[in-house]
C-alpha atoms as a PDB file:
ATOM      1  CA  MET A   1      37.491 161.798  63.434  1.00  0.00           C
ATOM      2  CA  LYS A   2      39.393 158.716  62.208  1.00  0.00           C
ATOM      3  CA  THR A   3      37.696 155.590  61.083  1.00  0.00           C
ATOM      4  CA  HIS A   4      38.776 152.143  62.183  1.00  0.00           C
ATOM      5  CA  LYS A   5      40.367 151.410  58.770  1.00  0.00           C
ATOM      6  CA  GLN A   6      42.390 154.655  58.825  1.00  0.00           C
ATOM      7  CA  ALA A   7      43.687 154.008  62.357  1.00  0.00           C
ATOM      8  CA  LYS A   8      44.565 150.417  61.501  1.00  0.00           C
ATOM      9  CA  LYS A   9      46.420 151.499  58.328  1.00  0.00           C
ATOM     10  CA  GLU A  10      48.331 154.165  60.271  1.00  0.00           C
ATOM     11  CA  LEU A  11      49.317 151.612  62.917  1.00  0.00           C
ATOM     12  CA  THR A  12      50.517 149.035  60.361  1.00  0.00           C
ATOM     13  CA  ASP A  13      52.530 151.737  58.549  1.00  0.00           C
ATOM     14  CA  ARG A  14      54.252 152.717  61.807  1.00  0.00           C
ATOM     15  CA  ILE A  15      54.969 149.071  62.642  1.00  0.00           C
ATOM     16  CA  THR A  16      56.441 148.480  59.180  1.00  0.00           C
ATOM     17  CA  ALA A  17      58.633 151.571  59.509  1.00  0.00           C
ATOM     18  CA  LEU A  18      59.904 150.410  62.911  1.00  0.00           C
ATOM     19  CA  GLU A  19      60.630 146.907  61.583  1.00  0.00           C
ATOM     20  CA  ASP A  20      62.642 148.435  58.719  1.00  0.00           C
ATOM     21  CA  LEU A  21      64.572 150.583  61.212  1.00  0.00           C
ATOM     22  CA  ILE A  22      65.378 147.542  63.362  1.00  0.00           C
ATOM     23  CA  LYS A  23      66.554 145.594  60.306  1.00  0.00           C
ATOM     24  CA  PHE A  24      68.768 148.496  59.179  1.00  0.00           C
ATOM     25  CA  THR A  25      70.256 148.873  62.667  1.00  0.00           C
ATOM     26  CA  ARG A  26      71.068 145.162  62.920  1.00  0.00           C
ATOM     27  CA  GLU A  27      72.788 145.174  59.536  1.00  0.00           C
ATOM     28  CA  ASN A  28      74.896 148.262  60.233  1.00  0.00           C
ATOM     29  CA  THR A  29      75.893 147.958  63.889  1.00  0.00           C
ATOM     30  CA  TYR A  30      79.550 147.046  64.432  1.00  0.00           C
ATOM     31  CA  TYR A  31      82.389 147.437  66.911  1.00  0.00           C
ATOM     32  CA  GLU A  32      86.101 147.956  66.346  1.00  0.00           C
ATOM     33  CA  LYS A  33      88.753 145.429  67.305  1.00  0.00           C
ATOM     34  CA  PHE A  34      92.489 144.989  66.687  1.00  0.00           C
ATOM     35  CA  CYS A  35      93.792 142.140  64.513  1.00  0.00           C
ATOM     36  CA  LEU A  36      95.983 139.735  66.511  1.00  0.00           C
ATOM     37  CA  HIS A  37      98.655 139.564  63.813  1.00  0.00           C
ATOM     38  CA  CYS A  38      98.986 142.948  62.113  1.00  0.00           C
ATOM     39  CA  SER A  39      97.240 145.126  64.756  1.00  0.00           C
ATOM     40  CA  SER A  40      95.076 146.880  62.181  1.00  0.00           C
ATOM     41  CA  VAL A  41      91.633 148.050  63.245  1.00  0.00           C
ATOM     42  CA  MET A  42      88.802 145.779  62.068  1.00  0.00           C
ATOM     43  CA  GLN A  43      85.113 146.581  61.966  1.00  0.00           C
ATOM     44  CA  VAL A  44      83.254 143.516  63.251  1.00  0.00           C
ATOM     45  CA  LYS A  45      79.492 143.239  62.867  1.00  0.00           C
ATOM     46  CA  LEU A  46      77.672 142.861  66.129  1.00  0.00           C
ATOM     47  CA  ASN A  47      75.306 140.191  64.801  1.00  0.00           C
ATOM     48  CA  GLY A  48      77.808 138.329  62.646  1.00  0.00           C
ATOM     49  CA  GLU A  49      77.235 134.905  61.149  1.00  0.00           C
ATOM     50  CA  ARG A  50      80.264 133.431  62.913  1.00  0.00           C
ATOM     51  CA  ALA A  51      79.860 131.335  66.015  1.00  0.00           C
ATOM     52  CA  GLN A  52      83.256 132.556  67.227  1.00  0.00           C
ATOM     53  CA  GLU A  53      84.683 136.033  67.478  1.00  0.00           C
ATOM     54  CA  LYS A  54      86.650 137.308  64.535  1.00  0.00           C
ATOM     55  CA  LYS A  55      90.353 137.425  65.485  1.00  0.00           C
ATOM     56  CA  TYR A  56      92.142 138.302  62.227  1.00  0.00           C
ATOM     57  CA  CYS A  57      91.391 140.918  59.588  1.00  0.00           C
ATOM     58  CA  ASN A  58      91.493 138.449  56.663  1.00  0.00           C
ATOM     59  CA  ASP A  59      92.514 134.900  55.688  1.00  0.00           C
ATOM     60  CA  ALA A  60      96.017 135.900  54.555  1.00  0.00           C
ATOM     61  CA  CYS A  61      96.730 137.496  57.939  1.00  0.00           C
ATOM     62  CA  ARG A  62      95.386 134.441  59.791  1.00  0.00           C
ATOM     63  CA  SER A  63      97.454 131.974  57.755  1.00  0.00           C
ATOM     64  CA  SER A  64     100.595 134.109  58.119  1.00  0.00           C
ATOM     65  CA  PHE A  65     100.142 134.166  61.896  1.00  0.00           C
ATOM     66  CA  HIS A  66      99.730 130.388  62.081  1.00  0.00           C
ATOM     67  CA  ARG A  67     102.687 129.776  59.742  1.00  0.00           C
ATOM     68  CA  LYS A  68     104.982 131.861  61.947  1.00  0.00           C
ATOM     69  CA  ARG A  69     103.676 130.191  65.091  1.00  0.00           C
ATOM     70  CA  ASN A  70     104.255 126.710  63.641  1.00  0.00           C
ATOM     71  CA  GLN A  71     107.782 127.628  62.499  1.00  0.00           C
ATOM     72  CA  LYS A  72     108.654 128.769  66.014  1.00  0.00           C
ATOM     73  CA  ALA A  73     107.317 125.514  67.468  1.00  0.00           C
ATOM     74  CA  VAL A  74     109.306 123.391  64.994  1.00  0.00           C
ATOM     75  CA  ALA A  75     112.468 125.386  65.684  1.00  0.00           C
ATOM     76  CA  TYR A  76     111.976 124.914  69.426  1.00  0.00           C
ATOM     77  CA  PHE A  77     111.585 121.130  69.133  1.00  0.00           C
ATOM     78  CA  LEU A  78     114.569 120.822  66.763  1.00  0.00           C
ATOM     79  CA  LYS A  79     116.693 122.812  69.200  1.00  0.00           C
ATOM     80  CA  LYS A  80     115.504 120.618  72.077  1.00  0.00           C
ATOM     81  CA  LYS A  81     116.212 117.430  70.076  1.00  0.00           C
ATOM     82  CA  LYS A  82     119.685 118.656  69.111  1.00  0.00           C
ATOM     83  CA  LYS A  83     120.464 119.532  72.730  1.00  0.00           C
ATOM     84  CA  LYS A  84     119.303 116.067  73.835  1.00  0.00           C
ATOM     85  CA  ASN A  85     121.482 114.325  71.195  1.00  0.00           C
ATOM     86  CA  ASP A  86     124.544 116.371  72.182  1.00  0.00           C
ATOM     87  CA  SER A  87     124.259 115.207  75.802  1.00  0.00           C
END
């Protein structure tokens, strides 16, 4: 027969073990997603610190994507301006 102290200790031990399991699961749960620029597979944490979704695998990839996008926009406007001046 168990005493009250033994039952209470057993219960608190089980609760502590479950809390540790929940903490471990939160830290190690992720999903896979493709990078928008280089199409490599990223592992994104489910409970990340970011308010937004992660879109690029790293900062270099993100800046490269934006640089190329801005160059295309500038080239488009220069072409449009040149066409307007020729008319």
